[in-house]
Amino acid sequence: MLQFKILKKSKKSWARFGILKTPCGIVETPSLVPVATQACVKTLTSEDVLQTKTQILIANTFHLHLKPGDEIIKNNGGLHRFMNFNNHPLMTDSGGFQVFSLGFGYDFGVGKILKYFPEKEENLTIIEKSTQPKSLKITDDGVFFKSPITGKDLFIGPKESIKIQENLGADIIFAFDECTAPLVDFRYAKSALERTHRWAKICLQTKKSDQALFGIVQGSRFKKLREKGAQFINSLGFDGFGIGGDLGQKKETMEKILNWTIPYLDEEKPRHLLGIGYLEDIENIIKRGIDLFDCTVPTHYARRGIAFTNEGKLNLKYSKFLKQKMPLDKKCDCFVCKNYSRSYISHLIRANEVTGLSLLTFHNLYFFNTFVEKIREKIKNGKI
């Protein structure tokens, strides 16, 4: 069973340092949770991932259900054994994010925070209560998808999500929810919140395993709904909390949403912010009481040829780096920075060699994990 102990609280903010104990290992919080969508961090082996200071991963329920299939993973001994991540903690999401990403997110080309996908204000389309996405159908019982692989109809509701996640066997699983788009109006957000709450109760009733189950707080950018959502999810006895859905039209709104939500959640339980983790956001969300957060930024940017360093982001596709013999970051002690030059990595990226993507992915994860590690030290030393 999951155990969470807070060892140090900040006197200046809601930040806290804690220990999260799972059946497969321990996580020091706050912690980044890198994304292993298809049961792997792209370009890295599980052994590589552990060398980046990664403590825990999150895999994607929807995609693993499609391929290879959760029954196949169960027959392989579960996700830990399947991906050789034994004795290390794993999470799986519920599939709720795909309700957004394959639905309104795809239709309107928006992300969880609108600022990341800029649109002219006059062109913003507000999603009303009766609106449905083009590629899927949201009902009170669950969601009808089209498989992006075969095109066949696929239904996932709260019962189906829990059963899939039980087959996958991660330490921490999430309740099925509707992740809203930042363009929804109040009436749509209220309707989606009520759906999420019905599904949350069904998830609790359905789960038969000893996996830790986190409930997800929704409510979009509306204070009244976020407070209501936090109070309701907190009342159900979940093992921890996810804060999900869209987080407004700019980063300042995201911070307000956390301020509205956190006070209503049991402070003795872990809090996970779903799908947020830009480098400039990390300390702010930790100061607002977040213990865990998953994000594709370090790995996604690596596959675009970009390295994060103490000097800022470096785009290794640029030819100027071919002349630079120094490491990516002189202050980084990862094996990439100890052994490879900017020149070599730039050559690999420009030559479209997979090894270049692997080196950048390793470095970026190590850099992000070190960044969060330093924040943990600041909390322990009373500097945050």
Protein backbone atom coordinates (compact mmCIF):
# COMPACT_ATOMS: atom_id res chain seq x y z
CA MET A 1 0.00 0.00 0.00
CA LEU A 2 1.00 3.62 -0.51
CA GLN A 3 2.54 5.58 2.34
CA PHE A 4 3.27 9.30 2.26
CA LYS A 5 5.14 11.18 4.95
CA ILE A 6 5.92 14.90 4.93
CA LEU A 7 9.34 15.48 6.46
CA LYS A 8 9.71 19.24 6.00
CA LYS A 9 7.32 22.08 5.26
CA SER A 10 8.27 25.49 3.95
CA LYS A 11 7.46 28.44 6.20
CA LYS A 12 7.34 30.75 3.18
CA SER A 13 5.06 28.78 0.85
CA TRP A 14 3.07 25.55 0.56
CA ALA A 15 6.13 23.61 -0.62
CA ARG A 16 6.96 20.43 1.25
CA PHE A 17 9.60 17.70 1.17
CA GLY A 18 8.30 14.17 1.60
CA ILE A 19 8.80 10.46 1.13
CA LEU A 20 6.36 8.44 -0.96
CA LYS A 21 6.62 4.70 -0.33
CA THR A 22 5.14 2.31 -2.89
CA PRO A 23 5.31 -1.50 -3.07
CA CYS A 24 8.05 -1.14 -5.71
CA GLY A 25 10.18 1.60 -4.25
CA ILE A 26 10.53 5.02 -2.67
CA VAL A 27 10.18 8.47 -4.21
CA GLU A 28 11.52 11.64 -2.64
CA THR A 29 9.07 14.46 -3.31
CA PRO A 30 8.70 16.88 -4.95
CA SER A 31 9.58 14.88 -8.04
CA LEU A 32 9.35 15.01 -11.80
CA VAL A 33 7.55 12.00 -13.29
CA PRO A 34 8.91 11.45 -16.82
CA VAL A 35 6.46 10.11 -19.38
CA ALA A 36 6.87 6.56 -20.69
CA THR A 37 3.89 6.56 -23.04
CA GLN A 38 4.40 3.13 -24.66
CA ALA A 39 6.11 1.59 -21.59
CA CYS A 40 9.38 3.29 -22.46
CA VAL A 41 11.02 6.69 -22.45
CA LYS A 42 11.70 7.18 -26.15
CA THR A 43 15.34 6.44 -27.19
CA LEU A 44 16.31 5.16 -23.71
CA THR A 45 16.34 1.75 -22.06
CA SER A 46 14.89 1.37 -18.59
CA GLU A 47 18.47 1.03 -17.28
CA ASP A 48 19.36 4.35 -18.94
CA VAL A 49 16.37 6.06 -17.37
CA LEU A 50 17.44 5.10 -13.87
CA GLN A 51 20.84 6.71 -14.47
CA THR A 52 19.14 10.07 -15.07
CA LYS A 53 18.05 10.26 -11.39
CA THR A 54 14.49 9.39 -12.43
CA GLN A 55 12.55 7.96 -9.48
CA ILE A 56 9.18 7.14 -11.04
CA LEU A 57 7.56 6.99 -14.50
CA ILE A 58 4.03 7.34 -15.83
CA ALA A 59 2.78 5.18 -18.73
CA ASN A 60 -0.25 5.76 -20.93
CA THR A 61 -3.31 3.60 -20.30
CA PHE A 62 -5.06 4.45 -23.57
CA HIS A 63 -2.11 3.68 -25.83
CA LEU A 64 -1.06 0.51 -23.99
CA HIS A 65 -4.64 -0.74 -24.19
CA LEU A 66 -4.42 -0.35 -27.97
CA LYS A 67 -0.96 -1.86 -28.34
CA PRO A 68 0.20 -4.31 -27.31
CA GLY A 69 -2.96 -4.67 -25.18
CA ASP A 70 -3.25 -4.66 -21.40
CA GLU A 71 -3.99 -8.40 -21.34
CA ILE A 72 -0.66 -9.08 -23.05
CA ILE A 73 1.13 -6.93 -20.48
CA LYS A 74 -0.69 -8.72 -17.66
CA ASN A 75 0.40 -12.10 -19.11
CA ASN A 76 3.97 -10.81 -19.13
CA GLY A 77 3.81 -10.27 -15.38
CA GLY A 78 2.60 -6.67 -15.41
CA LEU A 79 4.12 -3.40 -16.50
CA HIS A 80 7.12 -3.50 -14.13
CA ARG A 81 8.36 -6.82 -15.46
CA PHE A 82 7.30 -6.09 -19.04
CA MET A 83 9.52 -2.99 -19.26
CA ASN A 84 12.18 -4.21 -16.82
CA PHE A 85 11.41 -1.52 -14.27
CA ASN A 86 11.31 -3.93 -11.35
CA ASN A 87 11.59 -2.45 -7.85
CA HIS A 88 10.91 1.05 -9.13
CA PRO A 89 7.56 2.88 -8.92
CA LEU A 90 5.22 3.31 -11.87
CA MET A 91 2.04 5.26 -12.51
CA THR A 92 -0.55 4.93 -15.23
CA ASP A 93 -2.93 7.69 -16.28
CA SER A 94 -6.63 6.93 -16.73
CA GLY A 95 -7.14 7.72 -20.40
CA GLY A 96 -8.91 10.95 -19.48
CA PHE A 97 -6.27 13.09 -21.16
CA GLN A 98 -7.04 11.40 -24.48
CA VAL A 99 -10.65 12.58 -24.11
CA PHE A 100 -9.14 16.05 -24.51
CA SER A 101 -6.15 15.46 -26.81
CA LEU A 102 -8.07 13.34 -29.34
CA GLY A 103 -11.19 15.49 -28.93
CA PHE A 104 -11.37 19.26 -28.51
CA GLY A 105 -7.60 19.57 -28.23
CA TYR A 106 -7.24 18.12 -31.72
CA ASP A 107 -10.25 19.98 -33.11
CA PHE A 108 -9.03 23.42 -32.05
CA GLY A 109 -5.27 22.86 -31.89
CA VAL A 110 -4.98 23.85 -28.24
CA GLY A 111 -3.13 22.55 -25.20
CA LYS A 112 -3.91 22.51 -21.49
CA ILE A 113 -2.80 26.13 -21.20
CA LEU A 114 -3.83 28.28 -24.13
CA LYS A 115 -0.66 30.39 -24.05
CA TYR A 116 1.38 27.46 -25.30
CA PHE A 117 -0.69 27.44 -28.49
CA PRO A 118 -1.32 31.16 -29.14
CA GLU A 119 -4.51 32.23 -30.89
CA LYS A 120 -5.84 35.69 -31.61
CA GLU A 121 -8.41 36.62 -28.99
CA GLU A 122 -11.09 37.35 -31.59
CA ASN A 123 -10.66 33.88 -33.07
CA LEU A 124 -11.21 31.99 -29.81
CA THR A 125 -14.15 29.59 -29.97
CA ILE A 126 -15.99 28.89 -26.74
CA ILE A 127 -17.10 25.27 -26.36
CA GLU A 128 -20.67 25.18 -25.11
CA LYS A 129 -22.44 22.51 -23.04
CA SER A 130 -24.05 20.65 -25.91
CA THR A 131 -20.93 20.63 -28.12
CA GLN A 132 -19.25 17.32 -28.98
CA PRO A 133 -15.74 16.79 -30.41
CA LYS A 134 -15.55 15.70 -34.04
CA SER A 135 -13.63 12.46 -33.48
CA LEU A 136 -15.17 11.06 -30.29
CA LYS A 137 -18.41 11.07 -28.33
CA ILE A 138 -18.59 11.91 -24.64
CA THR A 139 -21.51 10.41 -22.71
CA ASP A 140 -22.42 10.11 -19.05
CA ASP A 141 -21.32 6.46 -19.15
CA GLY A 142 -17.94 7.02 -20.80
CA VAL A 143 -16.31 7.95 -24.08
CA PHE A 144 -16.57 6.42 -27.56
CA PHE A 145 -13.25 6.76 -29.38
CA LYS A 146 -12.08 5.83 -32.85
CA SER A 147 -8.92 3.76 -32.58
CA PRO A 148 -6.08 5.81 -34.12
CA ILE A 149 -4.57 2.49 -35.23
CA THR A 150 -7.47 0.56 -36.76
CA GLY A 151 -10.26 3.15 -36.95
CA LYS A 152 -12.56 0.80 -35.04
CA ASP A 153 -14.92 2.01 -32.32
CA LEU A 154 -13.50 1.88 -28.80
CA PHE A 155 -15.36 2.59 -25.56
CA ILE A 156 -13.67 3.53 -22.28
CA GLY A 157 -15.60 4.46 -19.17
CA PRO A 158 -14.62 4.43 -15.49
CA LYS A 159 -15.02 0.65 -15.12
CA GLU A 160 -13.03 -0.06 -18.27
CA SER A 161 -10.26 2.36 -17.28
CA ILE A 162 -9.80 0.76 -13.87
CA LYS A 163 -9.79 -2.77 -15.28
CA ILE A 164 -7.17 -1.82 -17.87
CA GLN A 165 -5.02 -0.18 -15.20
CA GLU A 166 -5.36 -3.20 -12.94
CA ASN A 167 -4.09 -5.38 -15.79
CA LEU A 168 -1.14 -3.03 -16.29
CA GLY A 169 -0.34 -3.24 -12.59
CA ALA A 170 1.30 0.14 -11.84
CA ASP A 171 1.75 1.21 -8.21
CA ILE A 172 -0.39 4.32 -8.66
CA ILE A 173 -3.41 4.63 -10.95
CA PHE A 174 -5.84 7.46 -11.68
CA ALA A 175 -9.61 7.72 -11.76
CA PHE A 176 -11.17 8.19 -15.19
CA ASP A 177 -12.08 11.81 -15.83
CA GLU A 178 -12.92 14.29 -18.54
CA CYS A 179 -9.98 16.58 -19.18
CA THR A 180 -11.51 19.81 -20.46
CA ALA A 181 -10.17 22.25 -23.06
CA PRO A 182 -9.28 25.86 -22.13
CA LEU A 183 -12.06 27.05 -24.47
CA VAL A 184 -15.02 25.58 -22.56
CA ASP A 185 -17.63 27.88 -21.11
CA PHE A 186 -18.92 27.61 -17.53
CA ARG A 187 -21.89 25.41 -18.40
CA TYR A 188 -19.71 22.90 -20.24
CA ALA A 189 -17.13 22.86 -17.44
CA LYS A 190 -19.88 22.28 -14.85
CA SER A 191 -21.33 19.40 -16.84
CA ALA A 192 -17.88 17.82 -17.31
CA LEU A 193 -17.16 18.21 -13.59
CA GLU A 194 -20.37 16.40 -12.68
CA ARG A 195 -19.45 13.58 -15.08
CA THR A 196 -15.99 13.32 -13.58
CA HIS A 197 -17.49 13.09 -10.09
CA ARG A 198 -19.86 10.28 -11.07
CA TRP A 199 -16.98 8.44 -12.70
CA ALA A 200 -14.78 8.95 -9.62
CA LYS A 201 -17.26 7.08 -7.42
CA ILE A 202 -17.55 4.27 -9.96
CA CYS A 203 -13.75 3.96 -10.11
CA LEU A 204 -13.56 3.54 -6.34
CA GLN A 205 -16.32 0.91 -6.42
CA THR A 206 -14.71 -0.95 -9.34
CA LYS A 207 -11.12 -1.21 -8.11
CA LYS A 208 -10.32 -4.61 -6.59
CA SER A 209 -6.51 -4.40 -6.51
CA ASP A 210 -4.27 -2.95 -3.81
CA GLN A 211 -2.98 -0.27 -6.18
CA ALA A 212 -3.12 3.32 -4.92
CA LEU A 213 -5.92 5.24 -6.65
CA PHE A 214 -5.73 9.00 -7.13
CA GLY A 215 -8.86 11.06 -7.75
CA ILE A 216 -8.65 13.93 -10.22
CA VAL A 217 -9.82 17.47 -9.51
CA GLN A 218 -11.41 19.20 -12.50
CA GLY A 219 -13.26 22.49 -12.94
CA SER A 220 -11.38 24.30 -15.69
CA ARG A 221 -10.53 27.97 -14.99
CA PHE A 222 -13.59 28.61 -12.81
CA LYS A 223 -12.94 29.18 -9.10
CA LYS A 224 -16.36 27.97 -7.98
CA LEU A 225 -15.98 24.71 -9.88
CA ARG A 226 -12.38 24.08 -8.82
CA GLU A 227 -13.28 24.55 -5.16
CA LYS A 228 -16.31 22.30 -5.53
CA GLY A 229 -14.24 19.68 -7.35
CA ALA A 230 -11.48 19.70 -4.75
CA GLN A 231 -13.94 19.38 -1.86
CA PHE A 232 -15.82 16.52 -3.51
CA ILE A 233 -12.78 14.48 -4.59
CA ASN A 234 -11.21 15.02 -1.17
CA SER A 235 -14.34 13.62 0.50
CA LEU A 236 -14.23 10.25 -1.30
CA GLY A 237 -11.18 8.73 0.40
CA PHE A 238 -8.74 8.53 -2.51
CA ASP A 239 -5.10 7.68 -1.76
CA GLY A 240 -3.92 10.89 -3.40
CA PHE A 241 -4.97 13.57 -5.81
CA GLY A 242 -4.39 14.56 -9.40
CA ILE A 243 -5.05 18.11 -10.52
CA GLY A 244 -6.12 17.90 -14.13
CA GLY A 245 -8.08 19.43 -16.95
CA ASP A 246 -7.20 22.64 -18.70
CA LEU A 247 -5.38 25.18 -16.58
CA GLY A 248 -6.67 28.38 -18.12
CA GLN A 249 -5.61 30.74 -20.85
CA LYS A 250 -2.24 31.75 -19.35
CA LYS A 251 0.21 30.62 -16.69
CA GLU A 252 -1.08 33.14 -14.15
CA THR A 253 -4.44 31.37 -14.33
CA MET A 254 -2.74 28.04 -13.62
CA GLU A 255 -1.26 29.48 -10.43
CA LYS A 256 -4.67 30.79 -9.36
CA ILE A 257 -6.22 27.38 -9.99
CA LEU A 258 -3.65 25.74 -7.71
CA ASN A 259 -4.31 28.37 -5.05
CA TRP A 260 -8.06 27.62 -5.26
CA THR A 261 -7.58 23.85 -5.17
CA ILE A 262 -4.79 22.95 -2.75
CA PRO A 263 -6.42 24.25 0.48
CA TYR A 264 -9.31 21.78 0.08
CA LEU A 265 -7.12 18.69 -0.30
CA ASP A 266 -5.99 16.56 2.64
CA GLU A 267 -2.44 17.75 3.24
CA GLU A 268 -1.35 14.29 4.39
CA LYS A 269 -1.90 12.86 0.91
CA PRO A 270 0.26 13.37 -2.22
CA ARG A 271 -0.76 15.83 -4.94
CA HIS A 272 0.08 15.30 -8.60
CA LEU A 273 -0.20 18.00 -11.28
CA LEU A 274 -1.01 16.32 -14.57
CA GLY A 275 0.84 17.31 -17.73
CA ILE A 276 2.72 20.42 -16.59
CA GLY A 277 6.46 20.85 -16.16
CA TYR A 278 8.16 23.54 -18.18
CA LEU A 279 11.40 24.46 -16.46
CA GLU A 280 10.17 27.95 -15.59
CA ASP A 281 7.01 26.50 -14.01
CA ILE A 282 8.56 23.90 -11.74
CA GLU A 283 9.51 25.98 -8.69
CA ASN A 284 6.21 27.89 -8.85
CA ILE A 285 4.06 24.76 -8.82
CA ILE A 286 6.13 23.24 -6.01
CA LYS A 287 5.68 26.42 -3.95
CA ARG A 288 1.95 25.95 -4.42
CA GLY A 289 2.03 22.52 -2.81
CA ILE A 290 2.58 20.10 -5.71
CA ASP A 291 4.47 16.90 -4.86
CA LEU A 292 4.57 15.15 -8.24
CA PHE A 293 4.20 16.34 -11.83
CA ASP A 294 4.51 14.60 -15.18
CA CYS A 295 5.73 16.30 -18.31
CA THR A 296 7.09 15.46 -21.76
CA VAL A 297 9.18 18.64 -22.06
CA PRO A 298 12.68 17.21 -21.43
CA THR A 299 12.14 14.24 -23.75
CA HIS A 300 10.06 16.00 -26.41
CA TYR A 301 12.52 18.85 -26.76
CA ALA A 302 15.42 16.40 -26.96
CA ARG A 303 13.83 14.77 -29.99
CA ARG A 304 13.71 18.22 -31.59
CA GLY A 305 17.47 18.59 -31.06
CA ILE A 306 17.23 20.93 -28.07
CA ALA A 307 19.29 20.65 -24.89
CA PHE A 308 18.45 22.38 -21.60
CA THR A 309 21.48 23.92 -19.89
CA ASN A 310 22.38 26.50 -17.26
CA GLU A 311 22.99 28.88 -20.19
CA GLY A 312 19.47 28.30 -21.55
CA LYS A 313 18.19 26.10 -24.37
CA LEU A 314 20.62 25.04 -27.12
CA ASN A 315 19.34 24.01 -30.53
CA LEU A 316 21.94 21.51 -31.70
CA LYS A 317 20.59 21.62 -35.24
CA TYR A 318 22.43 24.90 -35.74
CA SER A 319 25.77 24.54 -37.51
CA LYS A 320 27.55 26.86 -35.06
CA PHE A 321 27.64 24.03 -32.51
CA LEU A 322 29.78 21.92 -34.86
CA LYS A 323 32.69 24.18 -33.89
CA GLN A 324 32.12 23.96 -30.12
CA LYS A 325 34.25 21.33 -28.39
CA MET A 326 32.87 21.92 -24.89
CA PRO A 327 30.14 19.76 -23.28
CA LEU A 328 26.48 20.69 -23.44
CA ASP A 329 26.75 22.13 -19.93
CA LYS A 330 30.05 22.55 -18.04
CA LYS A 331 28.14 22.46 -14.73
CA CYS A 332 26.38 19.15 -15.49
CA ASP A 333 27.94 15.88 -14.36
CA CYS A 334 25.81 13.51 -16.43
CA PHE A 335 27.69 10.95 -18.51
CA VAL A 336 26.80 12.82 -21.71
CA CYS A 337 28.45 16.03 -20.55
CA LYS A 338 31.46 14.11 -19.24
CA ASN A 339 32.08 12.25 -22.48
CA TYR A 340 30.61 14.03 -25.50
CA SER A 341 31.06 17.46 -27.07
CA ARG A 342 28.48 19.83 -28.48
CA SER A 343 30.22 19.34 -31.81
CA TYR A 344 29.67 15.58 -31.85
CA ILE A 345 26.07 15.74 -30.66
CA SER A 346 25.29 18.48 -33.18
CA HIS A 347 26.75 16.27 -35.92
CA LEU A 348 24.52 13.36 -34.84
CA ILE A 349 21.40 15.54 -34.74
CA ARG A 350 22.12 17.07 -38.14
CA ALA A 351 22.81 13.58 -39.55
CA ASN A 352 19.49 12.31 -38.14
CA GLU A 353 21.24 9.68 -36.04
CA VAL A 354 19.13 8.15 -33.26
CA THR A 355 22.15 8.19 -30.93
CA GLY A 356 22.02 11.99 -30.89
CA LEU A 357 18.40 11.92 -29.72
CA SER A 358 19.32 9.40 -27.05
CA LEU A 359 22.19 11.53 -25.72
CA LEU A 360 20.02 14.65 -25.58
CA THR A 361 17.15 12.79 -23.91
CA PHE A 362 19.49 11.42 -21.26
CA HIS A 363 21.01 14.84 -20.59
CA ASN A 364 17.67 16.67 -20.46
CA LEU A 365 16.16 14.20 -18.00
CA TYR A 366 19.26 14.36 -15.84
CA PHE A 367 19.20 18.17 -15.99
CA PHE A 368 15.51 18.37 -15.01
CA ASN A 369 15.87 15.81 -12.22
CA THR A 370 18.91 17.66 -10.86
CA PHE A 371 16.94 20.91 -11.00
CA VAL A 372 14.15 19.37 -8.89
CA GLU A 373 16.70 17.71 -6.59
CA LYS A 374 18.11 21.17 -5.80
CA ILE A 375 14.61 22.43 -4.99
CA ARG A 376 14.17 19.53 -2.56
CA GLU A 377 17.42 20.58 -0.87
CA LYS A 378 16.19 24.17 -0.65
CA ILE A 379 13.00 23.01 1.07
CA LYS A 380 14.98 20.86 3.50
CA ASN A 381 17.25 23.81 4.30
CA GLY A 382 14.40 26.28 4.71
CA LYS A 383 15.34 28.34 1.65
CA ILE A 384 11.92 27.98 -0.03
